[in-house]
Protein backbone atom coordinates (compact mmCIF):
# COMPACT_ATOMS: atom_id res chain seq x y z
CA MET A 1 20.18 -14.00 19.01
CA ALA A 2 18.41 -14.90 22.22
CA SER A 3 15.26 -16.90 21.75
CA ASN A 4 13.57 -16.76 25.16
CA SER A 5 10.94 -14.17 26.07
CA PRO A 6 10.43 -12.70 29.56
CA ASP A 7 8.61 -14.93 32.03
CA SER A 8 5.14 -13.41 31.97
CA SER A 9 4.22 -15.15 35.23
CA SER A 10 6.85 -13.19 37.16
CA SER A 11 5.79 -10.06 39.04
CA THR A 12 9.35 -8.68 38.87
CA PRO A 13 9.71 -6.01 36.18
CA PHE A 14 12.03 -6.95 33.33
CA VAL A 15 15.36 -5.15 33.68
CA SER A 16 17.92 -5.08 30.89
CA LEU A 17 21.57 -5.25 31.86
CA VAL A 18 22.73 -4.56 28.30
CA ARG A 19 24.08 -1.06 27.76
CA MET A 20 24.31 0.64 24.34
CA THR A 21 27.30 2.92 23.73
CA ARG A 22 27.55 4.85 20.48
CA CYS A 23 30.83 3.97 18.77
CA ASP A 24 33.33 6.81 18.44
CA LEU A 25 36.31 6.11 16.17
CA CYS A 26 38.39 8.56 18.22
CA ASN A 27 37.91 6.42 21.33
CA GLU A 28 40.75 3.88 21.68
CA MET A 29 38.59 1.48 23.70
CA HIS A 30 35.93 1.51 20.98
CA GLN A 31 38.59 0.98 18.31
CA SER A 32 39.88 -2.05 20.20
CA HIS A 33 36.44 -3.70 19.92
CA LEU A 34 36.04 -3.15 16.17
CA PRO A 35 37.95 -6.24 14.91
CA THR A 36 35.67 -8.53 16.94
CA LEU A 37 32.55 -6.62 15.88
CA ARG A 38 33.63 -6.61 12.24
CA GLN A 39 34.04 -10.39 12.33
CA LEU A 40 30.59 -10.72 13.91
CA TYR A 41 29.08 -8.38 11.29
CA GLU A 42 30.59 -10.30 8.38
CA GLU A 43 29.65 -13.72 9.78
CA ALA A 44 26.13 -12.85 10.98
CA PHE A 45 24.90 -11.26 7.75
CA PRO A 46 25.19 -12.58 4.19
CA HIS A 47 27.10 -10.43 1.70
CA SER A 48 23.84 -9.33 0.07
CA GLU A 49 22.48 -7.97 3.39
CA ARG A 50 25.41 -5.84 4.53
CA ARG A 51 27.43 -2.89 3.30
CA PRO A 52 31.23 -3.08 2.92
CA TRP A 53 32.98 -2.55 6.26
CA SER A 54 34.83 0.50 4.91
CA ASP A 55 31.47 2.15 4.13
CA LEU A 56 30.23 1.29 7.60
CA GLU A 57 33.31 2.87 9.20
CA GLN A 58 32.74 6.00 7.13
CA LEU A 59 29.17 6.22 8.45
CA ILE A 60 30.40 5.76 12.03
CA GLY A 61 32.88 8.59 11.54
CA GLU A 62 30.25 10.99 10.21
CA GLN A 63 28.24 10.82 13.48
CA GLY A 64 25.07 11.74 11.57
CA ALA A 65 21.77 9.84 11.36
CA TYR A 66 23.66 6.52 11.50
CA HIS A 67 24.40 5.16 14.98
CA PHE A 68 26.64 2.14 15.57
CA PHE A 69 26.11 0.99 19.15
CA ILE A 70 28.47 -1.35 20.98
CA LEU A 71 26.47 -3.63 23.28
CA GLU A 72 28.03 -4.26 26.67
CA HIS A 73 27.03 -6.33 29.68
CA PRO A 74 28.44 -5.59 33.17
CA GLU A 75 29.67 -9.16 33.65
CA LEU A 76 30.27 -10.34 30.08
CA GLY A 77 31.81 -7.23 28.51
CA VAL A 78 31.12 -6.60 24.83
CA VAL A 79 28.31 -8.90 23.67
CA GLY A 80 27.44 -7.55 20.20
CA PHE A 81 26.27 -4.49 18.32
CA VAL A 82 23.19 -2.80 16.90
CA THR A 83 23.01 -0.15 14.18
CA LEU A 84 20.19 2.39 14.11
CA TRP A 85 19.29 5.24 11.77
CA HIS A 86 17.39 8.13 13.32
CA PHE A 87 15.14 10.03 10.94
CA ASP A 88 12.67 12.83 11.69
CA ASP A 89 9.94 10.70 13.25
CA PHE A 90 11.13 7.10 13.32
CA TYR A 91 14.13 4.84 13.81
CA TYR A 92 15.36 2.16 11.44
CA GLY A 93 17.26 -0.80 12.85
CA GLU A 94 19.67 -1.92 10.14
CA HIS A 95 21.75 -4.63 11.85
CA PHE A 96 21.66 -6.38 15.22
CA ALA A 97 23.89 -9.26 16.30
CA ILE A 98 25.00 -10.98 19.49
CA LEU A 99 28.30 -12.89 19.66
CA PRO A 100 27.58 -16.58 18.83
CA GLN A 101 29.02 -17.92 22.09
CA LEU A 102 26.67 -15.64 24.07
CA ARG A 103 23.41 -16.38 22.27
CA ASN A 104 20.48 -18.03 24.06
CA HIS A 105 21.16 -16.10 27.29
CA ARG A 106 18.37 -13.53 26.78
CA LEU A 107 20.89 -10.89 25.69
CA GLY A 108 18.97 -10.23 22.48
CA GLU A 109 15.80 -9.78 24.48
CA GLN A 110 17.57 -7.44 26.89
CA THR A 111 18.95 -5.46 23.95
CA LEU A 112 15.48 -5.03 22.42
CA HIS A 113 14.30 -3.73 25.80
CA THR A 114 17.23 -1.29 25.92
CA ILE A 115 16.52 -0.11 22.35
CA LYS A 116 12.88 0.57 23.23
CA GLU A 117 13.96 2.61 26.25
CA TYR A 118 16.48 4.53 24.12
CA ILE A 119 14.06 5.48 21.33
CA GLY A 120 11.20 6.39 23.65
CA HIS A 121 7.84 6.76 21.90
CA GLU A 122 9.16 6.91 18.33
CA PRO A 123 8.45 3.81 16.23
CA ILE A 124 11.26 1.59 15.01
CA TYR A 125 11.25 -0.36 11.75
CA PHE A 126 13.54 -3.14 10.57
CA GLU A 127 13.81 -5.77 7.86
CA VAL A 128 13.56 -9.54 8.32
CA GLU A 129 13.75 -12.49 5.97
CA PRO A 130 10.34 -14.03 5.11
CA GLU A 131 9.39 -17.14 7.08
CA THR A 132 9.16 -19.02 3.76
CA LEU A 133 12.93 -18.66 3.34
CA SER A 134 13.91 -20.97 6.19
CA GLU A 135 12.87 -22.38 9.53
CA ILE A 136 15.32 -20.00 11.22
CA ALA A 137 13.69 -17.01 9.49
CA GLY A 138 10.29 -18.15 10.79
CA ARG A 139 11.64 -18.53 14.32
CA ARG A 140 13.20 -15.07 14.11
CA ILE A 141 9.85 -13.50 13.17
CA ASN A 142 8.14 -15.36 16.03
CA TYR A 143 10.86 -14.16 18.39
CA TYR A 144 10.33 -10.52 17.43
CA GLU A 145 6.56 -10.95 17.71
CA ARG A 146 6.97 -12.29 21.26
CA ASN A 147 8.96 -9.14 22.01
CA GLY A 148 6.24 -6.76 20.85
CA PHE A 149 6.96 -6.30 17.14
CA GLN A 150 4.76 -7.09 14.15
CA VAL A 151 5.07 -7.52 10.40
CA VAL A 152 3.72 -4.35 8.77
CA LYS A 153 4.76 -4.89 5.15
CA ARG A 154 5.32 -8.13 3.23
CA ASP A 155 5.97 -6.81 -0.29
CA TYR A 156 9.22 -4.95 0.36
CA LEU A 157 12.35 -5.23 -1.78
CA GLN A 158 15.56 -4.30 0.02
CA PRO A 159 17.76 -2.35 -2.41
CA PRO A 160 21.15 -3.96 -3.10
CA TYR A 161 24.21 -3.01 -1.07
CA HIS A 162 26.48 -3.95 -3.98
CA ARG A 163 26.39 -2.88 -7.63
CA GLU A 164 26.50 -6.44 -9.02
CA GLU A 165 23.57 -7.71 -6.94
CA GLN A 166 19.78 -7.58 -7.09
CA GLY A 167 17.36 -6.45 -4.40
CA VAL A 168 16.38 -8.90 -1.66
CA PRO A 169 12.68 -9.60 -0.88
CA LEU A 170 12.17 -8.97 2.84
CA TYR A 171 9.46 -8.09 5.33
CA ILE A 172 9.28 -4.89 7.36
CA MET A 173 8.57 -5.27 11.07
CA SER A 174 7.80 -2.49 13.54
CA SER A 175 7.05 -1.67 17.13
CA GLU A 176 3.67 -0.28 15.98
CA MET A 177 1.33 -0.89 13.08
CA GLY A 178 1.18 2.66 11.72
CA GLU A 179 -0.83 4.02 8.81
CA ARG A 180 -0.19 2.60 5.35
CA ASP A 181 0.97 5.99 4.01
CA PHE A 182 3.46 6.35 6.87
CA ILE A 183 4.86 2.86 6.28
CA GLU A 184 5.27 3.63 2.56
CA ARG A 185 7.12 6.82 3.50
CA VAL A 186 9.37 4.82 5.82
CA CYS A 187 10.22 2.42 2.99
CA GLN A 188 10.92 5.28 0.59
CA THR A 189 13.18 6.93 3.17
CA LEU A 190 15.16 3.69 3.46
CA VAL A 191 15.59 3.55 -0.32
CA ASP A 192 16.61 7.21 -0.50
CA ARG A 193 18.79 7.55 2.61
CA VAL A 194 20.10 4.14 3.73
CA TYR A 195 21.09 2.24 0.62
CA PRO A 196 23.71 3.14 -1.99
CA HIS A 197 22.57 4.49 -5.36
CA PHE A 198 24.28 2.93 -8.36
């Protein structure tokens, strides 16, 4: 993911060149990108933090609350993907990855800007690894904070994606602080609607 924030000394408004296109399995062009995006998905996220690809493809095909967006840049082509769930009054960002060879070019920052434009005034929530886990996890939290997000819950246990595994302790970050009751409802919605039930 990109690690630079916009130059706050510049008077030029920040413009994102990254476009989000919802994946449609009936679209041949979208299908042609899936092998690359699958490889990115499986390399960017540990087994315990991702669903099986076949389950992900099923969700894409349903075209329901789950949105798999292909990220494209006018000069670079496909640069990554982001997955969002849209519920009644908030979004949940499940996965977000930029191709390794294109990281550190502000594409992650541009994508966050594009996501904010897409969701409008609704809040977005997502999970991150605690900063105590690794230096990279700490840098990732700092990166999101520089881009307008904040940790809103530190005692969250991500339910397992796989029957044989345990939950993963993570933080919840958001574009707005929100009331405690609302954040608890968000977490319960994730447990009920996003993760498999064994």
